[in-house]
Amino acid sequence: MEILNYTISYLLSGIFVSFILDLQQDHMTKKGIMEQEFRDNWGIAERLIVILLWPIAIIIFLKALLK
């Protein structure tokens, strides 16, 4: 039962991170920082990868953001 709680927490955290990344991409697209073509390529497959591998996704996003 405890493993189920950890799994649900991990997946919910991934969903939250994916949501935040979507909001950030929308904001960056509206400001002209990110090209619309990149935003259009952000699909369900990429969202699922972020949900499953969100700790790595956060590190990659922060490195790109701070450049």
PDB file of N, CA and C in Angstrom:
ATOM      1  N   MET A   1       0.813  -1.190   0.000  1.00  0.00           N
ATOM      2  CA  MET A   1       0.000   0.000   0.000  1.00  0.00           C
ATOM      3  C   MET A   1       0.861   1.259   0.000  1.00  0.00           C
ATOM      4  N   GLU A   2       1.995   1.195   0.694  1.00  0.00           N
ATOM      5  CA  GLU A   2       2.880   2.352   0.756  1.00  0.00           C
ATOM      6  C   GLU A   2       3.500   2.648  -0.611  1.00  0.00           C
ATOM      7  N   ILE A   3       3.804   1.601  -1.370  1.00  0.00           N
ATOM      8  CA  ILE A   3       4.366   1.781  -2.713  1.00  0.00           C
ATOM      9  C   ILE A   3       3.358   2.477  -3.617  1.00  0.00           C
ATOM     10  N   LEU A   4       2.093   2.146  -3.456  1.00  0.00           N
ATOM     11  CA  LEU A   4       1.049   2.795  -4.246  1.00  0.00           C
ATOM     12  C   LEU A   4       0.990   4.293  -3.944  1.00  0.00           C
ATOM     13  N   ASN A   5       1.133   4.659  -2.689  1.00  0.00           N
ATOM     14  CA  ASN A   5       1.135   6.083  -2.321  1.00  0.00           C
ATOM     15  C   ASN A   5       2.322   6.806  -2.948  1.00  0.00           C
ATOM     16  N   TYR A   6       3.500   6.191  -2.915  1.00  0.00           N
ATOM     17  CA  TYR A   6       4.677   6.795  -3.539  1.00  0.00           C
ATOM     18  C   TYR A   6       4.492   6.932  -5.045  1.00  0.00           C
ATOM     19  N   THR A   7       3.928   5.925  -5.667  1.00  0.00           N
ATOM     20  CA  THR A   7       3.706   5.947  -7.110  1.00  0.00           C
ATOM     21  C   THR A   7       2.741   7.056  -7.497  1.00  0.00           C
ATOM     22  N   ILE A   8       1.647   7.161  -6.769  1.00  0.00           N
ATOM     23  CA  ILE A   8       0.666   8.211  -7.047  1.00  0.00           C
ATOM     24  C   ILE A   8       1.282   9.595  -6.831  1.00  0.00           C
ATOM     25  N   SER A   9       2.041   9.757  -5.766  1.00  0.00           N
ATOM     26  CA  SER A   9       2.702  11.040  -5.503  1.00  0.00           C
ATOM     27  C   SER A   9       3.690  11.391  -6.611  1.00  0.00           C
ATOM     28  N   TYR A  10       4.449  10.418  -7.068  1.00  0.00           N
ATOM     29  CA  TYR A  10       5.422  10.636  -8.130  1.00  0.00           C
ATOM     30  C   TYR A  10       4.724  11.066  -9.416  1.00  0.00           C
ATOM     31  N   LEU A  11       3.647  10.360  -9.783  1.00  0.00           N
ATOM     32  CA  LEU A  11       2.924  10.688 -11.010  1.00  0.00           C
ATOM     33  C   LEU A  11       2.230  12.044 -10.907  1.00  0.00           C
ATOM     34  N   LEU A  12       1.658  12.361  -9.761  1.00  0.00           N
ATOM     35  CA  LEU A  12       1.016  13.668  -9.584  1.00  0.00           C
ATOM     36  C   LEU A  12       2.052  14.796  -9.645  1.00  0.00           C
ATOM     37  N   SER A  13       3.216  14.552  -9.102  1.00  0.00           N
ATOM     38  CA  SER A  13       4.287  15.545  -9.210  1.00  0.00           C
ATOM     39  C   SER A  13       4.676  15.748 -10.670  1.00  0.00           C
ATOM     40  N   GLY A  14       4.742  14.675 -11.423  1.00  0.00           N
ATOM     41  CA  GLY A  14       5.050  14.761 -12.853  1.00  0.00           C
ATOM     42  C   GLY A  14       3.992  15.515 -13.625  1.00  0.00           C
ATOM     43  N   ILE A  15       2.732  15.290 -13.292  1.00  0.00           N
ATOM     44  CA  ILE A  15       1.642  16.025 -13.941  1.00  0.00           C
ATOM     45  C   ILE A  15       1.753  17.514 -13.621  1.00  0.00           C
ATOM     46  N   PHE A  16       2.069  17.847 -12.387  1.00  0.00           N
ATOM     47  CA  PHE A  16       2.235  19.237 -11.991  1.00  0.00           C
ATOM     48  C   PHE A  16       3.393  19.884 -12.750  1.00  0.00           C
ATOM     49  N   VAL A  17       4.514  19.191 -12.852  1.00  0.00           N
ATOM     50  CA  VAL A  17       5.672  19.718 -13.579  1.00  0.00           C
ATOM     51  C   VAL A  17       5.328  19.919 -15.053  1.00  0.00           C
ATOM     52  N   SER A  18       4.628  18.975 -15.653  1.00  0.00           N
ATOM     53  CA  SER A  18       4.222  19.092 -17.047  1.00  0.00           C
ATOM     54  C   SER A  18       3.305  20.301 -17.245  1.00  0.00           C
ATOM     55  N   PHE A  19       2.410  20.514 -16.320  1.00  0.00           N
ATOM     56  CA  PHE A  19       1.503  21.663 -16.379  1.00  0.00           C
ATOM     57  C   PHE A  19       2.286  22.973 -16.295  1.00  0.00           C
ATOM     58  N   ILE A  20       3.241  23.042 -15.384  1.00  0.00           N
ATOM     59  CA  ILE A  20       4.067  24.246 -15.231  1.00  0.00           C
ATOM     60  C   ILE A  20       4.879  24.501 -16.504  1.00  0.00           C
ATOM     61  N   LEU A  21       5.437  23.440 -17.092  1.00  0.00           N
ATOM     62  CA  LEU A  21       6.193  23.598 -18.331  1.00  0.00           C
ATOM     63  C   LEU A  21       5.302  24.085 -19.466  1.00  0.00           C
ATOM     64  N   ASP A  22       4.067  23.592 -19.535  1.00  0.00           N
ATOM     65  CA  ASP A  22       3.127  24.073 -20.545  1.00  0.00           C
ATOM     66  C   ASP A  22       2.834  25.562 -20.362  1.00  0.00           C
ATOM     67  N   LEU A  23       2.607  25.975 -19.131  1.00  0.00           N
ATOM     68  CA  LEU A  23       2.363  27.391 -18.866  1.00  0.00           C
ATOM     69  C   LEU A  23       3.572  28.242 -19.235  1.00  0.00           C
ATOM     70  N   GLN A  24       4.761  27.754 -18.900  1.00  0.00           N
ATOM     71  CA  GLN A  24       5.984  28.490 -19.213  1.00  0.00           C
ATOM     72  C   GLN A  24       6.184  28.599 -20.721  1.00  0.00           C
ATOM     73  N   GLN A  25       5.908  27.529 -21.442  1.00  0.00           N
ATOM     74  CA  GLN A  25       6.037  27.572 -22.896  1.00  0.00           C
ATOM     75  C   GLN A  25       5.049  28.557 -23.505  1.00  0.00           C
ATOM     76  N   ASP A  26       3.825  28.580 -23.013  1.00  0.00           N
ATOM     77  CA  ASP A  26       2.846  29.551 -23.503  1.00  0.00           C
ATOM     78  C   ASP A  26       3.327  30.977 -23.269  1.00  0.00           C
ATOM     79  N   HIS A  27       3.838  31.231 -22.088  1.00  0.00           N
ATOM     80  CA  HIS A  27       4.330  32.564 -21.748  1.00  0.00           C
ATOM     81  C   HIS A  27       5.511  32.951 -22.643  1.00  0.00           C
ATOM     82  N   MET A  28       6.448  32.029 -22.830  1.00  0.00           N
ATOM     83  CA  MET A  28       7.627  32.315 -23.645  1.00  0.00           C
ATOM     84  C   MET A  28       7.257  32.509 -25.112  1.00  0.00           C
ATOM     85  N   THR A  29       6.250  31.794 -25.590  1.00  0.00           N
ATOM     86  CA  THR A  29       5.794  31.954 -26.966  1.00  0.00           C
ATOM     87  C   THR A  29       5.143  33.325 -27.153  1.00  0.00           C
ATOM     88  N   LYS A  30       4.326  33.738 -26.201  1.00  0.00           N
ATOM     89  CA  LYS A  30       3.668  35.047 -26.286  1.00  0.00           C
ATOM     90  C   LYS A  30       4.667  36.193 -26.213  1.00  0.00           C
ATOM     91  N   LYS A  31       5.749  36.022 -25.463  1.00  0.00           N
ATOM     92  CA  LYS A  31       6.778  37.060 -25.337  1.00  0.00           C
ATOM     93  C   LYS A  31       7.753  37.056 -26.517  1.00  0.00           C
ATOM     94  N   GLY A  32       7.683  36.035 -27.377  1.00  0.00           N
ATOM     95  CA  GLY A  32       8.568  35.945 -28.525  1.00  0.00           C
ATOM     96  C   GLY A  32       9.907  35.303 -28.223  1.00  0.00           C
ATOM     97  N   ILE A  33      10.052  34.740 -27.046  1.00  0.00           N
ATOM     98  CA  ILE A  33      11.305  34.089 -26.665  1.00  0.00           C
ATOM     99  C   ILE A  33      11.420  32.717 -27.321  1.00  0.00           C
ATOM    100  N   MET A  34      10.299  32.028 -27.452  1.00  0.00           N
ATOM    101  CA  MET A  34      10.267  30.686 -28.026  1.00  0.00           C
ATOM    102  C   MET A  34       9.475  30.726 -29.329  1.00  0.00           C
ATOM    103  N   GLU A  35       9.959  30.006 -30.309  1.00  0.00           N
ATOM    104  CA  GLU A  35       9.267  29.954 -31.593  1.00  0.00           C
ATOM    105  C   GLU A  35       8.016  29.092 -31.495  1.00  0.00           C
ATOM    106  N   GLN A  36       6.994  29.468 -32.248  1.00  0.00           N
ATOM    107  CA  GLN A  36       5.720  28.754 -32.235  1.00  0.00           C
ATOM    108  C   GLN A  36       5.883  27.323 -32.747  1.00  0.00           C
ATOM    109  N   GLU A  37       6.823  27.095 -33.665  1.00  0.00           N
ATOM    110  CA  GLU A  37       7.022  25.752 -34.213  1.00  0.00           C
ATOM    111  C   GLU A  37       7.437  24.767 -33.124  1.00  0.00           C
ATOM    112  N   PHE A  38       8.282  25.227 -32.199  1.00  0.00           N
ATOM    113  CA  PHE A  38       8.677  24.358 -31.093  1.00  0.00           C
ATOM    114  C   PHE A  38       7.477  24.052 -30.210  1.00  0.00           C
ATOM    115  N   ARG A  39       6.677  25.055 -29.954  1.00  0.00           N
ATOM    116  CA  ARG A  39       5.480  24.878 -29.111  1.00  0.00           C
ATOM    117  C   ARG A  39       4.510  23.904 -29.763  1.00  0.00           C
ATOM    118  N   ASP A  40       4.385  23.981 -31.101  1.00  0.00           N
ATOM    119  CA  ASP A  40       3.457  23.095 -31.811  1.00  0.00           C
ATOM    120  C   ASP A  40       3.917  21.640 -31.776  1.00  0.00           C
ATOM    121  N   ASN A  41       5.219  21.406 -31.620  1.00  0.00           N
ATOM    122  CA  ASN A  41       5.743  20.042 -31.573  1.00  0.00           C
ATOM    123  C   ASN A  41       5.627  19.417 -30.192  1.00  0.00           C
ATOM    124  N   TRP A  42       5.184  20.151 -29.210  1.00  0.00           N
ATOM    125  CA  TRP A  42       5.036  19.650 -27.839  1.00  0.00           C
ATOM    126  C   TRP A  42       3.721  18.889 -27.766  1.00  0.00           C
ATOM    127  N   GLY A  43       3.792  17.559 -27.829  1.00  0.00           N
ATOM    128  CA  GLY A  43       2.588  16.744 -27.888  1.00  0.00           C
ATOM    129  C   GLY A  43       2.419  15.849 -26.673  1.00  0.00           C
ATOM    130  N   ILE A  44       1.535  14.907 -26.806  1.00  0.00           N
ATOM    131  CA  ILE A  44       1.206  14.010 -25.701  1.00  0.00           C
ATOM    132  C   ILE A  44       2.394  13.108 -25.353  1.00  0.00           C
ATOM    133  N   ALA A  45       3.174  12.710 -26.348  1.00  0.00           N
ATOM    134  CA  ALA A  45       4.331  11.840 -26.072  1.00  0.00           C
ATOM    135  C   ALA A  45       5.349  12.563 -25.190  1.00  0.00           C
ATOM    136  N   GLU A  46       5.612  13.823 -25.513  1.00  0.00           N
ATOM    137  CA  GLU A  46       6.553  14.603 -24.707  1.00  0.00           C
ATOM    138  C   GLU A  46       6.014  14.834 -23.301  1.00  0.00           C
ATOM    139  N   ARG A  47       4.736  15.057 -23.183  1.00  0.00           N
ATOM    140  CA  ARG A  47       4.132  15.243 -21.857  1.00  0.00           C
ATOM    141  C   ARG A  47       4.242  13.969 -21.016  1.00  0.00           C
ATOM    142  N   LEU A  48       4.020  12.821 -21.631  1.00  0.00           N
ATOM    143  CA  LEU A  48       4.141  11.559 -20.898  1.00  0.00           C
ATOM    144  C   LEU A  48       5.581  11.305 -20.452  1.00  0.00           C
ATOM    145  N   ILE A  49       6.537  11.658 -21.304  1.00  0.00           N
ATOM    146  CA  ILE A  49       7.939  11.501 -20.917  1.00  0.00           C
ATOM    147  C   ILE A  49       8.258  12.387 -19.725  1.00  0.00           C
ATOM    148  N   VAL A  50       7.770  13.631 -19.752  1.00  0.00           N
ATOM    149  CA  VAL A  50       8.000  14.538 -18.623  1.00  0.00           C
ATOM    150  C   VAL A  50       7.341  14.005 -17.361  1.00  0.00           C
ATOM    151  N   ILE A  51       6.136  13.472 -17.474  1.00  0.00           N
ATOM    152  CA  ILE A  51       5.434  12.943 -16.304  1.00  0.00           C
ATOM    153  C   ILE A  51       6.211  11.778 -15.688  1.00  0.00           C
ATOM    154  N   LEU A  52       6.783  10.934 -16.527  1.00  0.00           N
ATOM    155  CA  LEU A  52       7.509   9.773 -16.014  1.00  0.00           C
ATOM    156  C   LEU A  52       8.929  10.111 -15.568  1.00  0.00           C
ATOM    157  N   LEU A  53       9.559  11.069 -16.218  1.00  0.00           N
ATOM    158  CA  LEU A  53      10.959  11.394 -15.929  1.00  0.00           C
ATOM    159  C   LEU A  53      11.108  12.842 -15.468  1.00  0.00           C
ATOM    160  N   TRP A  54      10.187  13.324 -14.665  1.00  0.00           N
ATOM    161  CA  TRP A  54      10.162  14.741 -14.302  1.00  0.00           C
ATOM    162  C   TRP A  54      11.397  15.252 -13.575  1.00  0.00           C
ATOM    163  N   PRO A  55      12.094  14.489 -12.753  1.00  0.00           N
ATOM    164  CA  PRO A  55      13.303  15.071 -12.141  1.00  0.00           C
ATOM    165  C   PRO A  55      14.360  15.445 -13.184  1.00  0.00           C
ATOM    166  N   ILE A  56      14.524  14.603 -14.184  1.00  0.00           N
ATOM    167  CA  ILE A  56      15.483  14.883 -15.255  1.00  0.00           C
ATOM    168  C   ILE A  56      14.980  16.050 -16.101  1.00  0.00           C
ATOM    169  N   ALA A  57      13.677  16.096 -16.344  1.00  0.00           N
ATOM    170  CA  ALA A  57      13.100  17.183 -17.139  1.00  0.00           C
ATOM    171  C   ALA A  57      13.306  18.533 -16.462  1.00  0.00           C
ATOM    172  N   ILE A  58      13.197  18.587 -15.151  1.00  0.00           N
ATOM    173  CA  ILE A  58      13.410  19.838 -14.427  1.00  0.00           C
ATOM    174  C   ILE A  58      14.852  20.303 -14.582  1.00  0.00           C
ATOM    175  N   ILE A  59      15.806  19.396 -14.472  1.00  0.00           N
ATOM    176  CA  ILE A  59      17.215  19.748 -14.607  1.00  0.00           C
ATOM    177  C   ILE A  59      17.508  20.279 -16.006  1.00  0.00           C
ATOM    178  N   ILE A  60      17.005  19.608 -17.031  1.00  0.00           N
ATOM    179  CA  ILE A  60      17.223  20.045 -18.403  1.00  0.00           C
ATOM    180  C   ILE A  60      16.581  21.406 -18.641  1.00  0.00           C
ATOM    181  N   PHE A  61      15.374  21.594 -18.153  1.00  0.00           N
ATOM    182  CA  PHE A  61      14.676  22.872 -18.337  1.00  0.00           C
ATOM    183  C   PHE A  61      15.426  24.013 -17.647  1.00  0.00           C
ATOM    184  N   LEU A  62      15.884  23.796 -16.441  1.00  0.00           N
ATOM    185  CA  LEU A  62      16.594  24.853 -15.715  1.00  0.00           C
ATOM    186  C   LEU A  62      17.920  25.202 -16.384  1.00  0.00           C
ATOM    187  N   LYS A  63      18.622  24.196 -16.898  1.00  0.00           N
ATOM    188  CA  LYS A  63      19.873  24.474 -17.608  1.00  0.00           C
ATOM    189  C   LYS A  63      19.616  25.317 -18.844  1.00  0.00           C
ATOM    190  N   ALA A  64      18.561  24.982 -19.599  1.00  0.00           N
ATOM    191  CA  ALA A  64      18.229  25.745 -20.799  1.00  0.00           C
ATOM    192  C   ALA A  64      17.743  27.140 -20.461  1.00  0.00           C
ATOM    193  N   LEU A  65      17.013  27.272 -19.372  1.00  0.00           N
ATOM    194  CA  LEU A  65      16.475  28.568 -18.977  1.00  0.00           C
ATOM    195  C   LEU A  65      17.574  29.507 -18.503  1.00  0.00           C
ATOM    196  N   LEU A  66      18.583  28.981 -17.853  1.00  0.00           N
ATOM    197  CA  LEU A  66      19.636  29.811 -17.278  1.00  0.00           C
ATOM    198  C   LEU A  66      20.748  30.163 -18.276  1.00  0.00           C
ATOM    199  N   LYS A  67      20.688  29.604 -19.482  1.00  0.00           N
ATOM    200  CA  LYS A  67      21.710  29.931 -20.496  1.00  0.00           C
ATOM    201  C   LYS A  67      21.491  31.308 -21.042  1.00  0.00           C
TER     202      LYS A  67
END
